[in-house]
Amino acid sequence: MKDTLTQVQQRARAYWFADGLNEIVGGTFAALLGALILLQTSLQSAQADILSTVTNMLLLAGAVSIPLLLRWMKERITYPHSGYVAYPELKPAERLKRGAPAILLALVLAVLIAGSILASPITRLWAMVCLVWMPSLMGVLVGAGIFRSARETGLTRQAWLGGLSILTALWLGWRSFPLMNLLTPALTAGRITEPMPMQTAAVMQTLMAAMYANVAFLLIIVGGAALILGVVAHVRYLKETHNVEPA
């Protein structure tokens, strides 16, 4: 009985993702954002500042418009083929429960890094290490979130996408490992109120550029894969529903 109920819940949740539009829209946005970040790392400071502003505006616009765009596309593409089924809205407490771990982890990391910078030379060195491994941690967290969605919907393509995110995180870790050779206690010696030495500034610039590039690679790889999987799912969805009379 429990297995049957689980399957029913999976089918209900999978309906929202059956047309592949979520992956198409989300993947396109992620890949485009990653491409802009990667381009930003290769430009001169003035051009990079302009592109950074554009990237931030795109990020804000995407956060606001993606849910609206998805609903609009489903109303014109999905529902006329398969009919409308109300997706069960999560209660505020449930939304908070789902998002709280990620928000809490981000806040804890931010506080730890900020505190490390102010505390001592050794902890400042730890903060620099965090910059090296931040993109890999993001890849693991994204993969874990996608795996959770795959478990709730039973969709194999989401499991593949979660696995790709984890593999990308491992590749980014391997790619970042040589940066650890740049980190020595001498870089963070001295007081935080003193001017930053030129060598430390150069290493920080290298670490930041590598971090942004790795985040861009993560967005491009996972976003591009989501886009491809979404297109395949959408084509299959249209073939399966082409005989359904429009509503």
Protein backbone atom coordinates (compact mmCIF):
# COMPACT_ATOMS: atom_id res chain seq x y z
CA MET A 1 0.00 0.00 0.00
CA LYS A 2 2.85 2.35 0.87
CA ASP A 3 4.59 1.58 -2.43
CA THR A 4 1.39 2.28 -4.35
CA LEU A 5 0.91 5.60 -2.57
CA THR A 6 4.53 6.54 -3.32
CA GLN A 7 4.02 5.77 -7.02
CA VAL A 8 0.87 7.90 -7.11
CA GLN A 9 2.75 10.79 -5.50
CA GLN A 10 5.62 10.37 -7.97
CA ARG A 11 3.23 10.47 -10.95
CA ALA A 12 1.56 13.60 -9.59
CA ARG A 13 4.91 15.35 -9.17
CA ALA A 14 6.29 14.02 -12.46
CA TYR A 15 3.36 15.60 -14.35
CA TRP A 16 4.87 19.05 -13.78
CA PHE A 17 8.13 17.91 -15.41
CA ALA A 18 6.71 15.61 -18.11
CA ASP A 19 6.92 18.19 -20.92
CA GLY A 20 10.60 19.00 -20.32
CA LEU A 21 9.93 22.74 -20.24
CA ASN A 22 11.39 23.11 -16.74
CA GLU A 23 14.73 21.75 -17.94
CA ILE A 24 14.59 23.77 -21.17
CA VAL A 25 13.96 27.10 -19.44
CA GLY A 26 16.16 26.47 -16.41
CA GLY A 27 18.97 24.93 -18.47
CA THR A 28 18.95 27.78 -20.98
CA PHE A 29 19.13 30.36 -18.20
CA ALA A 30 21.94 28.52 -16.37
CA ALA A 31 24.01 28.01 -19.53
CA LEU A 32 23.57 31.65 -20.58
CA LEU A 33 24.51 32.86 -17.10
CA GLY A 34 27.58 30.60 -17.12
CA ALA A 35 28.65 31.88 -20.53
CA LEU A 36 28.43 35.49 -19.34
CA ILE A 37 30.47 34.71 -16.21
CA LEU A 38 33.10 32.90 -18.28
CA LEU A 39 33.29 35.79 -20.72
CA GLN A 40 33.61 38.18 -17.82
CA THR A 41 36.79 36.45 -16.60
CA SER A 42 38.51 37.04 -19.95
CA LEU A 43 37.77 40.78 -20.30
CA GLN A 44 39.61 43.85 -19.11
CA SER A 45 38.49 45.45 -15.84
CA ALA A 46 36.26 48.16 -17.35
CA GLN A 47 34.53 45.75 -19.74
CA ALA A 48 34.29 43.12 -17.00
CA ASP A 49 32.55 45.60 -14.70
CA ILE A 50 29.94 46.33 -17.35
CA LEU A 51 29.39 42.64 -18.03
CA SER A 52 29.21 41.97 -14.29
CA THR A 53 26.35 44.45 -14.04
CA VAL A 54 24.58 42.75 -16.95
CA THR A 55 25.10 39.34 -15.33
CA ASN A 56 23.67 40.52 -12.00
CA MET A 57 20.66 42.01 -13.78
CA LEU A 58 20.13 38.74 -15.66
CA LEU A 59 20.33 36.79 -12.41
CA LEU A 60 17.73 39.01 -10.76
CA ALA A 61 15.47 39.01 -13.83
CA GLY A 62 15.70 35.23 -14.11
CA ALA A 63 14.77 34.68 -10.47
CA VAL A 64 11.63 36.75 -10.99
CA SER A 65 10.63 35.79 -14.53
CA ILE A 66 11.40 32.05 -14.82
CA PRO A 67 8.34 30.89 -12.81
CA LEU A 68 6.11 33.25 -14.78
CA LEU A 69 7.64 32.17 -18.10
CA LEU A 70 7.18 28.50 -17.23
CA ARG A 71 3.51 28.97 -16.35
CA TRP A 72 2.94 30.95 -19.55
CA MET A 73 4.59 28.26 -21.71
CA LYS A 74 2.68 25.45 -20.03
CA GLU A 75 -0.62 27.24 -20.54
CA ARG A 76 0.06 27.50 -24.28
CA ILE A 77 1.93 24.25 -24.97
CA THR A 78 1.32 21.66 -22.27
CA TYR A 79 -2.24 22.10 -21.07
CA PRO A 80 -3.83 22.19 -24.58
CA HIS A 81 -2.29 18.73 -25.20
CA SER A 82 -2.82 16.96 -21.91
CA GLY A 83 -5.28 19.10 -19.98
CA TYR A 84 -4.70 21.05 -16.82
CA VAL A 85 -3.88 19.36 -13.55
CA ALA A 86 -3.27 21.64 -10.59
CA TYR A 87 0.21 21.12 -9.22
CA PRO A 88 0.01 20.71 -5.44
CA GLU A 89 1.24 23.95 -3.93
CA LEU A 90 3.61 23.53 -1.01
CA LYS A 91 2.62 25.15 2.24
CA PRO A 92 4.91 27.93 3.51
CA ALA A 93 6.17 25.66 6.30
CA GLU A 94 7.05 22.95 3.77
CA ARG A 95 8.81 25.44 1.51
CA LEU A 96 10.82 26.69 4.48
CA LYS A 97 11.65 23.13 5.50
CA ARG A 98 12.97 22.35 2.01
CA GLY A 99 14.94 25.54 1.55
CA ALA A 100 16.19 25.97 5.10
CA PRO A 101 19.19 23.57 4.87
CA ALA A 102 20.64 25.30 1.78
CA ILE A 103 20.00 28.78 3.19
CA LEU A 104 21.45 27.82 6.56
CA LEU A 105 24.54 26.27 4.95
CA ALA A 106 25.12 29.38 2.83
CA LEU A 107 24.79 31.66 5.87
CA VAL A 108 27.11 29.49 7.96
CA LEU A 109 29.74 29.46 5.22
CA ALA A 110 29.46 33.23 4.76
CA VAL A 111 29.86 33.83 8.50
CA LEU A 112 32.75 31.38 8.78
CA ILE A 113 34.61 32.91 5.83
CA ALA A 114 34.03 36.47 7.08
CA GLY A 115 35.10 35.49 10.58
CA SER A 116 38.15 33.67 9.26
CA ILE A 117 39.31 36.74 7.36
CA LEU A 118 39.16 38.83 10.53
CA ALA A 119 40.37 36.27 13.06
CA SER A 120 43.99 35.34 12.32
CA PRO A 121 46.49 34.64 9.52
CA ILE A 122 45.84 30.90 9.68
CA THR A 123 42.08 31.29 9.42
CA ARG A 124 42.53 33.78 6.56
CA LEU A 125 44.45 31.05 4.78
CA TRP A 126 41.49 28.73 5.41
CA ALA A 127 39.18 31.31 3.81
CA MET A 128 41.35 31.28 0.69
CA VAL A 129 41.14 27.49 0.61
CA CYS A 130 37.34 27.80 0.66
CA LEU A 131 37.51 29.89 -2.51
CA VAL A 132 39.33 27.04 -4.22
CA TRP A 133 36.74 24.41 -3.35
CA MET A 134 33.55 26.51 -3.45
CA PRO A 135 32.54 25.54 -7.03
CA SER A 136 32.97 21.84 -6.23
CA LEU A 137 30.76 22.22 -3.17
CA MET A 138 28.16 23.98 -5.32
CA GLY A 139 28.21 21.09 -7.79
CA VAL A 140 27.66 18.56 -5.01
CA LEU A 141 24.78 20.57 -3.54
CA VAL A 142 23.14 21.04 -6.95
CA GLY A 143 23.51 17.33 -7.65
CA ALA A 144 22.00 16.43 -4.27
CA GLY A 145 19.03 18.72 -4.95
CA ILE A 146 18.43 17.20 -8.37
CA PHE A 147 18.73 13.67 -6.94
CA ARG A 148 16.08 14.57 -4.40
CA SER A 149 13.79 15.77 -7.16
CA ALA A 150 14.46 12.55 -9.10
CA ARG A 151 13.47 10.50 -6.07
CA GLU A 152 10.23 12.46 -5.71
CA THR A 153 9.27 12.27 -9.39
CA GLY A 154 10.80 8.95 -10.44
CA LEU A 155 12.24 10.60 -13.57
CA THR A 156 15.42 8.92 -14.79
CA ARG A 157 16.64 11.98 -16.66
CA GLN A 158 16.81 13.94 -13.41
CA ALA A 159 18.92 11.20 -11.85
CA TRP A 160 21.30 11.41 -14.84
CA LEU A 161 21.47 15.18 -14.45
CA GLY A 162 22.20 14.90 -10.73
CA GLY A 163 24.97 12.40 -11.46
CA LEU A 164 26.44 14.75 -14.06
CA SER A 165 26.49 17.58 -11.52
CA ILE A 166 28.40 15.38 -9.05
CA LEU A 167 30.87 14.29 -11.75
CA THR A 168 31.35 17.92 -12.78
CA ALA A 169 32.07 18.80 -9.15
CA LEU A 170 34.75 16.11 -9.03
CA TRP A 171 36.29 17.41 -12.28
CA LEU A 172 36.30 20.96 -10.93
CA GLY A 173 38.01 19.71 -7.78
CA TRP A 174 40.70 18.00 -9.86
CA ARG A 175 41.04 21.14 -11.96
CA SER A 176 41.39 23.32 -8.84
CA PHE A 177 43.80 21.13 -6.94
CA PRO A 178 46.98 22.75 -8.39
CA LEU A 179 45.83 26.08 -6.94
CA MET A 180 46.54 24.70 -3.48
CA ASN A 181 50.25 25.01 -4.28
CA LEU A 182 49.83 28.79 -4.32
CA LEU A 183 48.62 28.91 -0.73
CA THR A 184 51.32 29.37 1.91
CA PRO A 185 51.14 30.84 5.43
CA ALA A 186 53.29 33.74 4.27
CA LEU A 187 50.41 35.01 2.10
CA THR A 188 48.22 35.81 5.07
CA ALA A 189 50.90 36.93 7.52
CA GLY A 190 50.46 40.35 9.10
CA ARG A 191 47.47 42.28 10.37
CA ILE A 192 44.20 42.60 8.50
CA THR A 193 44.47 46.41 8.80
CA GLU A 194 47.75 46.49 6.89
CA PRO A 195 47.83 46.95 3.10
CA MET A 196 47.63 43.68 1.19
CA PRO A 197 51.06 42.62 -0.17
CA MET A 198 51.36 42.47 -3.96
CA GLN A 199 51.99 38.71 -3.92
CA THR A 200 48.87 38.10 -1.85
CA ALA A 201 46.84 40.35 -4.14
CA ALA A 202 48.07 38.44 -7.20
CA VAL A 203 47.19 35.08 -5.65
CA MET A 204 43.75 36.35 -4.62
CA GLN A 205 43.14 37.55 -8.17
CA THR A 206 44.12 34.13 -9.50
CA LEU A 207 41.86 32.34 -7.00
CA MET A 208 38.89 34.58 -7.76
CA ALA A 209 39.32 34.18 -11.52
CA ALA A 210 39.54 30.39 -11.14
CA MET A 211 36.48 30.32 -8.88
CA TYR A 212 34.38 32.33 -11.32
CA ALA A 213 35.56 30.20 -14.24
CA ASN A 214 34.71 26.97 -12.39
CA VAL A 215 31.27 28.24 -11.44
CA ALA A 216 30.76 29.15 -15.10
CA PHE A 217 31.80 25.67 -16.22
CA LEU A 218 29.37 24.13 -13.73
CA LEU A 219 26.49 26.26 -15.00
CA ILE A 220 27.32 25.65 -18.65
CA ILE A 221 27.75 21.87 -18.32
CA VAL A 222 24.75 21.19 -16.08
CA GLY A 223 22.59 23.83 -17.77
CA GLY A 224 23.48 22.60 -21.25
CA ALA A 225 22.75 19.00 -20.28
CA ALA A 226 19.42 20.05 -18.74
CA LEU A 227 18.54 21.88 -21.95
CA ILE A 228 19.33 18.83 -24.11
CA LEU A 229 17.44 16.44 -21.82
CA GLY A 230 14.52 18.87 -21.74
CA VAL A 231 14.35 19.11 -25.53
CA VAL A 232 14.41 15.30 -25.84
CA ALA A 233 11.69 14.98 -23.19
CA HIS A 234 9.59 17.67 -24.87
CA VAL A 235 9.78 16.03 -28.30
CA ARG A 236 8.78 12.71 -26.75
CA TYR A 237 5.97 14.42 -24.84
CA LEU A 238 4.56 15.98 -28.00
CA LYS A 239 4.64 12.62 -29.80
CA GLU A 240 2.83 10.91 -26.94
CA THR A 241 0.12 13.57 -26.70
CA HIS A 242 -0.38 14.48 -30.37
CA ASN A 243 -3.63 12.53 -30.54
CA VAL A 244 -5.16 14.35 -27.60
CA GLU A 245 -7.84 16.82 -28.65
CA PRO A 246 -6.95 20.44 -27.77
CA ALA A 247 -8.86 21.80 -24.79
